[in-house]
Amino acid sequence: MPKLELRDVSKTFGEGLDRLEVLHSVSLAVQEGEFVAIVGFSGSGKTTLLSLLAGLQGPDTGQVEMNGRAITGAGPDRGVVFQNYSLLPWLTVYENVALATDQAFASASRQERDARVRRYVEMVNLTPAIDKKPAQLSGGMRQRVAVARALAADPEVLLLDEPLGALDALTRGTLQNEIARIWEEERKTVVMITNDVDEGILLADRIVPLTPGPRATLGPELEVSLARPRLRVELNHDARFRRIRNDVLGYLSAMRGRTADRHAESEIVLELPDVRPVDLSAAVRT
């Protein structure tokens, strides 16, 4: 039984002429302990897909399941890390992470919850900043707090919605290594949304492309059989890495071209009436 599964899922927004089918007939199975990266262009519906897995939205058709049961809402068994950090600015690093542990482990003793908070703050290398507030942290440090908070609740599944998209290249590279290390330690089931193909190959066991929207659907998946740990510098010289990257990029580019052609063919040409301005000069003279 897959840990997560989408079966023939479609999602539409709007009504009438504004109705837009964002996702169409999406099917995906994610196994226990697997790291899956869904890659695609901006605006293709990646965040909508993750929201369906998180239970923040429901499908119009099809089924979204976890452990064989329908997902009907958000739950502590799924931790979500968003791109925009989503930290409470008036709380410290410790207090932001404690929000998750206090809710998920309400019956545990104060000492046990404290130990759990400190464990995950240390895991993301933020112990020296444990008493600082978000305004005192860099963007990369804030994202580490978000990761620590998600993990501290001990979810079965970790959902990452382009968590590194707003970071500079150096910070992004550092956090990619941190996510890979944490996954090796925790072995959570992870679904990551990204528009960076290289990032997906660096971190995931499997790459699944999402076609350009509207009516986006999943394309053919590619297994990433590269040995771990993976170092970006070394991967650049690996023929298998280049082949996987070229396959994913080639597929996405081809699908974007087909989508553009389809839109061009479906364009409606409206004939405008032959309207001419009224000559008011005669009226002015009289």
C-alpha atoms as a PDB file:
ATOM      1  CA  MET A   1       0.000   0.000   0.000  1.00  0.00           C
ATOM      2  CA  PRO A   2       1.443   3.422  -0.934  1.00  0.00           C
ATOM      3  CA  LYS A   3       2.014   5.922   1.849  1.00  0.00           C
ATOM      4  CA  LEU A   4       0.407   8.659  -0.266  1.00  0.00           C
ATOM      5  CA  GLU A   5      -1.708   8.237  -3.364  1.00  0.00           C
ATOM      6  CA  LEU A   6      -3.573  10.433  -5.817  1.00  0.00           C
ATOM      7  CA  ARG A   7      -5.921   8.589  -8.172  1.00  0.00           C
ATOM      8  CA  ASP A   8      -7.275  10.379 -11.231  1.00  0.00           C
ATOM      9  CA  VAL A   9      -7.447  13.698  -9.355  1.00  0.00           C
ATOM     10  CA  SER A  10      -8.708  16.904 -10.961  1.00  0.00           C
ATOM     11  CA  LYS A  11      -9.041  20.354  -9.412  1.00  0.00           C
ATOM     12  CA  THR A  12     -10.937  23.343 -10.773  1.00  0.00           C
ATOM     13  CA  PHE A  13     -11.271  26.931  -9.585  1.00  0.00           C
ATOM     14  CA  GLY A  14     -13.849  29.548 -10.535  1.00  0.00           C
ATOM     15  CA  GLU A  15     -17.312  29.394 -12.029  1.00  0.00           C
ATOM     16  CA  GLY A  16     -18.833  29.917 -15.447  1.00  0.00           C
ATOM     17  CA  LEU A  17     -16.579  31.720 -17.912  1.00  0.00           C
ATOM     18  CA  ASP A  18     -13.952  32.079 -15.158  1.00  0.00           C
ATOM     19  CA  ARG A  19     -13.812  28.331 -14.550  1.00  0.00           C
ATOM     20  CA  LEU A  20     -10.267  26.981 -14.860  1.00  0.00           C
ATOM     21  CA  GLU A  21      -9.204  23.351 -14.498  1.00  0.00           C
ATOM     22  CA  VAL A  22      -5.756  23.603 -12.910  1.00  0.00           C
ATOM     23  CA  LEU A  23      -5.056  19.868 -12.525  1.00  0.00           C
ATOM     24  CA  HIS A  24      -6.443  17.126 -14.736  1.00  0.00           C
ATOM     25  CA  SER A  25      -6.397  13.367 -14.126  1.00  0.00           C
ATOM     26  CA  VAL A  26      -3.360  13.357 -11.812  1.00  0.00           C
ATOM     27  CA  SER A  27      -2.262   9.967 -10.475  1.00  0.00           C
ATOM     28  CA  LEU A  28       0.736   9.390  -8.199  1.00  0.00           C
ATOM     29  CA  ALA A  29       1.798   6.774  -5.625  1.00  0.00           C
ATOM     30  CA  VAL A  30       4.505   7.571  -3.045  1.00  0.00           C
ATOM     31  CA  GLN A  31       5.986   4.714  -1.033  1.00  0.00           C
ATOM     32  CA  GLU A  32       6.985   4.690   2.638  1.00  0.00           C
ATOM     33  CA  GLY A  33      10.304   6.474   3.184  1.00  0.00           C
ATOM     34  CA  GLU A  34      10.537   7.666  -0.417  1.00  0.00           C
ATOM     35  CA  PHE A  35      11.705  11.157  -1.436  1.00  0.00           C
ATOM     36  CA  VAL A  36       9.763  12.321  -4.497  1.00  0.00           C
ATOM     37  CA  ALA A  37      10.333  15.624  -6.282  1.00  0.00           C
ATOM     38  CA  ILE A  38       7.617  17.103  -8.493  1.00  0.00           C
ATOM     39  CA  VAL A  39       9.127  19.588 -10.936  1.00  0.00           C
ATOM     40  CA  GLY A  40       7.466  21.998 -13.308  1.00  0.00           C
ATOM     41  CA  PHE A  41       7.155  25.565 -14.502  1.00  0.00           C
ATOM     42  CA  SER A  42       5.736  28.338 -12.329  1.00  0.00           C
ATOM     43  CA  GLY A  43       1.963  28.459 -12.520  1.00  0.00           C
ATOM     44  CA  SER A  44       1.561  24.818 -13.508  1.00  0.00           C
ATOM     45  CA  GLY A  45      -0.365  23.836 -10.357  1.00  0.00           C
ATOM     46  CA  LYS A  46       2.430  22.417  -8.190  1.00  0.00           C
ATOM     47  CA  THR A  47       1.271  24.189  -5.025  1.00  0.00           C
ATOM     48  CA  THR A  48      -2.330  23.127  -5.668  1.00  0.00           C
ATOM     49  CA  LEU A  49      -1.170  19.524  -5.904  1.00  0.00           C
ATOM     50  CA  LEU A  50       0.700  19.795  -2.600  1.00  0.00           C
ATOM     51  CA  SER A  51      -2.312  21.455  -0.971  1.00  0.00           C
ATOM     52  CA  LEU A  52      -4.393  18.428  -1.944  1.00  0.00           C
ATOM     53  CA  LEU A  53      -1.870  16.107  -0.268  1.00  0.00           C
ATOM     54  CA  ALA A  54      -1.821  18.340   2.819  1.00  0.00           C
ATOM     55  CA  GLY A  55      -5.608  18.327   3.025  1.00  0.00           C
ATOM     56  CA  LEU A  56      -5.800  22.103   2.701  1.00  0.00           C
ATOM     57  CA  GLN A  57      -7.984  21.667  -0.387  1.00  0.00           C
ATOM     58  CA  GLY A  58     -10.128  18.835  -1.664  1.00  0.00           C
ATOM     59  CA  PRO A  59     -10.246  17.400  -5.205  1.00  0.00           C
ATOM     60  CA  ASP A  60     -13.219  17.948  -7.491  1.00  0.00           C
ATOM     61  CA  THR A  61     -12.873  14.426  -8.841  1.00  0.00           C
ATOM     62  CA  GLY A  62     -10.665  11.486  -7.926  1.00  0.00           C
ATOM     63  CA  GLN A  63      -9.256  10.376  -4.606  1.00  0.00           C
ATOM     64  CA  VAL A  64      -6.397  11.548  -2.363  1.00  0.00           C
ATOM     65  CA  GLU A  65      -5.329   8.967   0.233  1.00  0.00           C
ATOM     66  CA  MET A  66      -2.779   8.371   2.976  1.00  0.00           C
ATOM     67  CA  ASN A  67      -2.250   4.829   4.241  1.00  0.00           C
ATOM     68  CA  GLY A  68      -5.274   3.752   2.194  1.00  0.00           C
ATOM     69  CA  ARG A  69      -7.658   6.266   3.805  1.00  0.00           C
ATOM     70  CA  ALA A  70      -9.118   9.358   2.168  1.00  0.00           C
ATOM     71  CA  ILE A  71      -7.529  12.662   3.179  1.00  0.00           C
ATOM     72  CA  THR A  72     -10.378  14.933   4.276  1.00  0.00           C
ATOM     73  CA  GLY A  73      -8.418  17.731   5.936  1.00  0.00           C
ATOM     74  CA  ALA A  74      -5.111  18.828   7.409  1.00  0.00           C
ATOM     75  CA  GLY A  75      -3.588  16.664  10.125  1.00  0.00           C
ATOM     76  CA  PRO A  76      -0.485  16.240  12.305  1.00  0.00           C
ATOM     77  CA  ASP A  77       0.538  13.189  10.278  1.00  0.00           C
ATOM     78  CA  ARG A  78       1.581  15.583   7.469  1.00  0.00           C
ATOM     79  CA  GLY A  79       4.074  18.366   8.121  1.00  0.00           C
ATOM     80  CA  VAL A  80       4.182  21.214   5.606  1.00  0.00           C
ATOM     81  CA  VAL A  81       7.042  23.635   4.950  1.00  0.00           C
ATOM     82  CA  PHE A  82       6.029  26.636   2.867  1.00  0.00           C
ATOM     83  CA  GLN A  83       8.195  28.970   0.823  1.00  0.00           C
ATOM     84  CA  ASN A  84       7.397  32.011   2.977  1.00  0.00           C
ATOM     85  CA  TYR A  85       8.579  30.574   6.352  1.00  0.00           C
ATOM     86  CA  SER A  86       5.204  31.171   8.139  1.00  0.00           C
ATOM     87  CA  LEU A  87       6.823  31.916  11.503  1.00  0.00           C
ATOM     88  CA  LEU A  88       5.184  33.937  14.274  1.00  0.00           C
ATOM     89  CA  PRO A  89       7.362  37.084  14.516  1.00  0.00           C
ATOM     90  CA  TRP A  90       6.772  37.697  18.224  1.00  0.00           C
ATOM     91  CA  LEU A  91       8.057  34.244  19.208  1.00  0.00           C
ATOM     92  CA  THR A  92      11.646  33.023  19.470  1.00  0.00           C
ATOM     93  CA  VAL A  93      13.110  30.102  17.542  1.00  0.00           C
ATOM     94  CA  TYR A  94      12.450  27.876  20.551  1.00  0.00           C
ATOM     95  CA  GLU A  95       8.864  29.076  20.923  1.00  0.00           C
ATOM     96  CA  ASN A  96       8.037  28.686  17.223  1.00  0.00           C
ATOM     97  CA  VAL A  97       9.216  25.075  17.275  1.00  0.00           C
ATOM     98  CA  ALA A  98       7.506  24.461  20.617  1.00  0.00           C
ATOM     99  CA  LEU A  99       4.152  25.315  19.021  1.00  0.00           C
ATOM    100  CA  ALA A 100       4.348  22.067  17.076  1.00  0.00           C
ATOM    101  CA  THR A 101       5.539  19.875  19.944  1.00  0.00           C
ATOM    102  CA  ASP A 102       3.008  21.262  22.417  1.00  0.00           C
ATOM    103  CA  GLN A 103       0.170  20.374  20.051  1.00  0.00           C
ATOM    104  CA  ALA A 104       1.455  17.019  18.816  1.00  0.00           C
ATOM    105  CA  PHE A 105       2.694  15.811  22.222  1.00  0.00           C
ATOM    106  CA  ALA A 106       0.242  17.491  24.578  1.00  0.00           C
ATOM    107  CA  SER A 107       0.274  14.493  26.925  1.00  0.00           C
ATOM    108  CA  ALA A 108       4.083  14.411  27.213  1.00  0.00           C
ATOM    109  CA  SER A 109       5.862  15.984  30.159  1.00  0.00           C
ATOM    110  CA  ARG A 110       7.314  19.473  29.910  1.00  0.00           C
ATOM    111  CA  GLN A 111      10.837  18.009  30.062  1.00  0.00           C
ATOM    112  CA  GLU A 112      10.107  15.624  27.182  1.00  0.00           C
ATOM    113  CA  ARG A 113       8.691  18.396  25.008  1.00  0.00           C
ATOM    114  CA  ASP A 114      11.635  20.648  25.841  1.00  0.00           C
ATOM    115  CA  ALA A 115      14.080  17.910  24.847  1.00  0.00           C
ATOM    116  CA  ARG A 116      12.273  17.397  21.551  1.00  0.00           C
ATOM    117  CA  VAL A 117      12.368  21.114  20.725  1.00  0.00           C
ATOM    118  CA  ARG A 118      16.075  21.350  21.466  1.00  0.00           C
ATOM    119  CA  ARG A 119      16.810  18.190  19.482  1.00  0.00           C
ATOM    120  CA  TYR A 120      15.318  19.554  16.279  1.00  0.00           C
ATOM    121  CA  VAL A 121      16.713  23.047  16.747  1.00  0.00           C
ATOM    122  CA  GLU A 122      20.117  21.412  17.031  1.00  0.00           C
ATOM    123  CA  MET A 123      19.409  19.202  14.008  1.00  0.00           C
ATOM    124  CA  VAL A 124      19.059  22.310  11.820  1.00  0.00           C
ATOM    125  CA  ASN A 125      22.142  23.895  13.439  1.00  0.00           C
ATOM    126  CA  LEU A 126      20.308  26.762  15.137  1.00  0.00           C
ATOM    127  CA  THR A 127      21.131  26.159  18.800  1.00  0.00           C
ATOM    128  CA  PRO A 128      23.162  29.410  19.035  1.00  0.00           C
ATOM    129  CA  ALA A 129      20.092  31.332  17.811  1.00  0.00           C
ATOM    130  CA  ILE A 130      17.490  29.457  19.859  1.00  0.00           C
ATOM    131  CA  ASP A 131      16.390  32.588  21.783  1.00  0.00           C
ATOM    132  CA  LYS A 132      16.289  34.919  18.772  1.00  0.00           C
ATOM    133  CA  LYS A 133      13.153  36.098  16.999  1.00  0.00           C
ATOM    134  CA  PRO A 134      12.591  35.792  13.223  1.00  0.00           C
ATOM    135  CA  ALA A 135      13.491  39.440  12.577  1.00  0.00           C
ATOM    136  CA  GLN A 136      16.969  38.695  13.941  1.00  0.00           C
ATOM    137  CA  LEU A 137      17.499  35.771  11.553  1.00  0.00           C
ATOM    138  CA  SER A 138      18.518  35.535   7.910  1.00  0.00           C
ATOM    139  CA  GLY A 139      16.154  34.041   5.341  1.00  0.00           C
ATOM    140  CA  GLY A 140      18.010  30.754   5.395  1.00  0.00           C
ATOM    141  CA  MET A 141      17.854  30.560   9.188  1.00  0.00           C
ATOM    142  CA  ARG A 142      14.116  31.255   9.161  1.00  0.00           C
ATOM    143  CA  GLN A 143      13.595  28.420   6.724  1.00  0.00           C
ATOM    144  CA  ARG A 144      15.568  26.130   9.019  1.00  0.00           C
ATOM    145  CA  VAL A 145      13.186  27.039  11.839  1.00  0.00           C
ATOM    146  CA  ALA A 146      10.261  26.104   9.598  1.00  0.00           C
ATOM    147  CA  VAL A 147      11.864  22.734   8.846  1.00  0.00           C
ATOM    148  CA  ALA A 148      12.592  22.122  12.539  1.00  0.00           C
ATOM    149  CA  ARG A 149       9.012  22.986  13.476  1.00  0.00           C
ATOM    150  CA  ALA A 150       7.600  20.584  10.895  1.00  0.00           C
ATOM    151  CA  LEU A 151       9.878  17.746  12.008  1.00  0.00           C
ATOM    152  CA  ALA A 152       9.334  18.353  15.731  1.00  0.00           C
ATOM    153  CA  ALA A 153       5.708  17.271  15.405  1.00  0.00           C
ATOM    154  CA  ASP A 154       6.996  13.882  14.156  1.00  0.00           C
ATOM    155  CA  PRO A 155       4.766  13.702  11.041  1.00  0.00           C
ATOM    156  CA  GLU A 156       4.692  10.575   8.931  1.00  0.00           C
ATOM    157  CA  VAL A 157       5.014  12.663   5.765  1.00  0.00           C
ATOM    158  CA  LEU A 158       6.907  15.878   5.075  1.00  0.00           C
ATOM    159  CA  LEU A 159       5.518  18.119   2.318  1.00  0.00           C
ATOM    160  CA  LEU A 160       7.893  20.796   1.002  1.00  0.00           C
ATOM    161  CA  ASP A 161       6.382  23.579  -1.103  1.00  0.00           C
ATOM    162  CA  GLU A 162       9.387  25.147  -2.868  1.00  0.00           C
ATOM    163  CA  PRO A 163      10.985  25.742   0.549  1.00  0.00           C
ATOM    164  CA  LEU A 164      14.217  27.134  -0.902  1.00  0.00           C
ATOM    165  CA  GLY A 165      12.808  29.175  -3.768  1.00  0.00           C
ATOM    166  CA  ALA A 166      13.226  32.577  -2.092  1.00  0.00           C
ATOM    167  CA  LEU A 167      16.848  32.042  -1.029  1.00  0.00           C
ATOM    168  CA  ASP A 168      20.094  33.117  -2.655  1.00  0.00           C
ATOM    169  CA  ALA A 169      22.179  30.480  -4.433  1.00  0.00           C
ATOM    170  CA  LEU A 170      24.726  29.939  -1.641  1.00  0.00           C
ATOM    171  CA  THR A 171      22.109  29.661   1.117  1.00  0.00           C
ATOM    172  CA  ARG A 172      19.992  27.426  -1.084  1.00  0.00           C
ATOM    173  CA  GLY A 173      22.903  25.067  -1.640  1.00  0.00           C
ATOM    174  CA  THR A 174      23.594  24.891   2.090  1.00  0.00           C
ATOM    175  CA  LEU A 175      19.980  24.081   2.923  1.00  0.00           C
ATOM    176  CA  GLN A 176      19.805  21.469   0.174  1.00  0.00           C
ATOM    177  CA  ASN A 177      22.622  19.665   1.968  1.00  0.00           C
ATOM    178  CA  GLU A 178      20.793  20.084   5.284  1.00  0.00           C
ATOM    179  CA  ILE A 179      17.558  18.612   3.899  1.00  0.00           C
ATOM    180  CA  ALA A 180      19.468  15.663   2.434  1.00  0.00           C
ATOM    181  CA  ARG A 181      21.199  15.039   5.770  1.00  0.00           C
ATOM    182  CA  ILE A 182      17.969  15.285   7.763  1.00  0.00           C
ATOM    183  CA  TRP A 183      16.214  12.904   5.384  1.00  0.00           C
ATOM    184  CA  GLU A 184      19.018  10.378   5.818  1.00  0.00           C
ATOM    185  CA  GLU A 185      18.581  10.612   9.614  1.00  0.00           C
ATOM    186  CA  GLU A 186      14.781  10.674   9.798  1.00  0.00           C
ATOM    187  CA  ARG A 187      13.785   8.674   6.695  1.00  0.00           C
ATOM    188  CA  LYS A 188      10.464  10.459   6.472  1.00  0.00           C
ATOM    189  CA  THR A 189       8.323  10.121   3.390  1.00  0.00           C
ATOM    190  CA  VAL A 190       8.926  13.386   1.529  1.00  0.00           C
ATOM    191  CA  VAL A 191       7.176  15.071  -1.383  1.00  0.00           C
ATOM    192  CA  MET A 192       8.943  18.211  -2.536  1.00  0.00           C
ATOM    193  CA  ILE A 193       7.638  20.751  -5.032  1.00  0.00           C
ATOM    194  CA  THR A 194      10.340  22.594  -6.969  1.00  0.00           C
ATOM    195  CA  ASN A 195      10.965  24.381 -10.257  1.00  0.00           C
ATOM    196  CA  ASP A 196      14.686  23.551 -10.044  1.00  0.00           C
ATOM    197  CA  VAL A 197      15.373  20.276 -11.850  1.00  0.00           C
ATOM    198  CA  ASP A 198      18.941  20.066 -10.502  1.00  0.00           C
ATOM    199  CA  GLU A 199      17.611  20.415  -6.947  1.00  0.00           C
ATOM    200  CA  GLY A 200      15.148  17.599  -7.507  1.00  0.00           C
ATOM    201  CA  ILE A 201      17.839  15.275  -8.840  1.00  0.00           C
ATOM    202  CA  LEU A 202      20.175  16.194  -5.980  1.00  0.00           C
ATOM    203  CA  LEU A 203      17.641  15.307  -3.288  1.00  0.00           C
ATOM    204  CA  ALA A 204      15.053  12.853  -4.594  1.00  0.00           C
ATOM    205  CA  ASP A 205      14.723   9.160  -5.307  1.00  0.00           C
ATOM    206  CA  ARG A 206      12.306   9.917  -8.109  1.00  0.00           C
ATOM    207  CA  ILE A 207      11.536  12.902 -10.338  1.00  0.00           C
ATOM    208  CA  VAL A 208       7.994  13.432 -11.627  1.00  0.00           C
ATOM    209  CA  PRO A 209       7.432  16.301 -14.101  1.00  0.00           C
ATOM    210  CA  LEU A 210       4.203  18.299 -14.039  1.00  0.00           C
ATOM    211  CA  THR A 211       3.109  19.531 -17.445  1.00  0.00           C
ATOM    212  CA  PRO A 212       2.382  23.240 -18.020  1.00  0.00           C
ATOM    213  CA  GLY A 213      -1.115  24.371 -17.081  1.00  0.00           C
ATOM    214  CA  PRO A 214      -3.945  24.761 -17.344  1.00  0.00           C
ATOM    215  CA  ARG A 215      -5.153  21.133 -17.113  1.00  0.00           C
ATOM    216  CA  ALA A 216      -1.710  20.111 -15.901  1.00  0.00           C
ATOM    217  CA  THR A 217      -1.015  16.436 -15.347  1.00  0.00           C
ATOM    218  CA  LEU A 218       1.965  14.329 -14.365  1.00  0.00           C
ATOM    219  CA  GLY A 219       4.396  13.128 -17.007  1.00  0.00           C
ATOM    220  CA  PRO A 220       6.650  10.045 -17.074  1.00  0.00           C
ATOM    221  CA  GLU A 221       8.659   9.629 -13.870  1.00  0.00           C
ATOM    222  CA  LEU A 222      12.407   9.109 -13.762  1.00  0.00           C
ATOM    223  CA  GLU A 223      14.247   7.119 -11.116  1.00  0.00           C
ATOM    224  CA  VAL A 224      17.323   8.822  -9.649  1.00  0.00           C
ATOM    225  CA  SER A 225      19.655   5.892  -9.039  1.00  0.00           C
ATOM    226  CA  LEU A 226      22.650   8.049  -8.076  1.00  0.00           C
ATOM    227  CA  ALA A 227      24.476   6.994  -4.917  1.00  0.00           C
ATOM    228  CA  ARG A 228      24.108   9.072  -1.747  1.00  0.00           C
ATOM    229  CA  PRO A 229      25.407  11.360  -0.406  1.00  0.00           C
ATOM    230  CA  ARG A 230      25.265  13.459  -3.564  1.00  0.00           C
ATOM    231  CA  LEU A 231      27.512  16.459  -4.035  1.00  0.00           C
ATOM    232  CA  ARG A 232      26.474  19.034  -6.616  1.00  0.00           C
ATOM    233  CA  VAL A 233      30.069  19.637  -7.760  1.00  0.00           C
ATOM    234  CA  GLU A 234      30.549  15.947  -8.465  1.00  0.00           C
ATOM    235  CA  LEU A 235      27.134  15.503 -10.080  1.00  0.00           C
ATOM    236  CA  ASN A 236      27.956  18.079 -12.735  1.00  0.00           C
ATOM    237  CA  HIS A 237      30.552  15.620 -14.069  1.00  0.00           C
ATOM    238  CA  ASP A 238      28.290  12.558 -13.829  1.00  0.00           C
ATOM    239  CA  ALA A 239      26.889  11.368 -17.161  1.00  0.00           C
ATOM    240  CA  ARG A 240      23.840   9.823 -15.454  1.00  0.00           C
ATOM    241  CA  PHE A 241      22.989  13.145 -13.796  1.00  0.00           C
ATOM    242  CA  ARG A 242      23.241  14.979 -17.106  1.00  0.00           C
ATOM    243  CA  ARG A 243      21.076  12.361 -18.812  1.00  0.00           C
ATOM    244  CA  ILE A 244      18.320  12.625 -16.190  1.00  0.00           C
ATOM    245  CA  ARG A 245      18.419  16.429 -16.294  1.00  0.00           C
ATOM    246  CA  ASN A 246      18.265  16.486 -20.089  1.00  0.00           C
ATOM    247  CA  ASP A 247      15.369  14.019 -20.115  1.00  0.00           C
ATOM    248  CA  VAL A 248      13.310  16.069 -17.635  1.00  0.00           C
ATOM    249  CA  LEU A 249      14.085  19.426 -19.243  1.00  0.00           C
ATOM    250  CA  GLY A 250      13.501  18.027 -22.721  1.00  0.00           C
ATOM    251  CA  TYR A 251      10.106  16.637 -21.741  1.00  0.00           C
ATOM    252  CA  LEU A 252       8.998  19.875 -20.027  1.00  0.00           C
ATOM    253  CA  SER A 253      10.162  22.005 -22.953  1.00  0.00           C
ATOM    254  CA  ALA A 254       8.342  19.793 -25.444  1.00  0.00           C
ATOM    255  CA  MET A 255       5.137  19.911 -23.394  1.00  0.00           C
ATOM    256  CA  ARG A 256       5.341  23.690 -23.052  1.00  0.00           C
ATOM    257  CA  GLY A 257       5.654  23.959 -26.830  1.00  0.00           C
ATOM    258  CA  ARG A 258       2.605  21.751 -27.350  1.00  0.00           C
ATOM    259  CA  THR A 259       0.634  23.780 -24.811  1.00  0.00           C
ATOM    260  CA  ALA A 260       1.533  27.019 -26.582  1.00  0.00           C
ATOM    261  CA  ASP A 261       0.458  25.545 -29.938  1.00  0.00           C
ATOM    262  CA  ARG A 262      -2.831  24.333 -28.466  1.00  0.00           C
ATOM    263  CA  HIS A 263      -3.573  27.760 -27.018  1.00  0.00           C
ATOM    264  CA  ALA A 264      -2.785  29.422 -30.333  1.00  0.00           C
ATOM    265  CA  GLU A 265      -5.141  27.072 -32.187  1.00  0.00           C
ATOM    266  CA  SER A 266      -7.965  27.695 -29.703  1.00  0.00           C
ATOM    267  CA  GLU A 267      -7.735  31.488 -29.808  1.00  0.00           C
ATOM    268  CA  ILE A 268     -11.043  33.147 -30.660  1.00  0.00           C
ATOM    269  CA  VAL A 269     -10.804  35.922 -33.235  1.00  0.00           C
ATOM    270  CA  LEU A 270     -13.448  38.598 -32.790  1.00  0.00           C
ATOM    271  CA  GLU A 271     -14.457  40.844 -35.657  1.00  0.00           C
ATOM    272  CA  LEU A 272     -14.812  44.415 -34.465  1.00  0.00           C
ATOM    273  CA  PRO A 273     -17.550  46.623 -35.906  1.00  0.00           C
ATOM    274  CA  ASP A 274     -16.540  49.225 -38.478  1.00  0.00           C
ATOM    275  CA  VAL A 275     -16.935  52.225 -36.194  1.00  0.00           C
ATOM    276  CA  ARG A 276     -16.009  55.659 -37.529  1.00  0.00           C
ATOM    277  CA  PRO A 277     -15.732  58.872 -35.514  1.00  0.00           C
ATOM    278  CA  VAL A 278     -18.521  61.392 -35.886  1.00  0.00           C
ATOM    279  CA  ASP A 279     -17.476  64.620 -37.645  1.00  0.00           C
ATOM    280  CA  LEU A 280     -18.630  67.376 -35.328  1.00  0.00           C
ATOM    281  CA  SER A 281     -17.042  70.246 -37.282  1.00  0.00           C
ATOM    282  CA  ALA A 282     -20.263  71.036 -39.154  1.00  0.00           C
ATOM    283  CA  ALA A 283     -22.266  71.179 -35.950  1.00  0.00           C
ATOM    284  CA  VAL A 284     -19.702  73.527 -34.377  1.00  0.00           C
ATOM    285  CA  ARG A 285     -19.937  75.969 -37.351  1.00  0.00           C
ATOM    286  CA  THR A 286     -23.688  76.158 -37.083  1.00  0.00           C
END
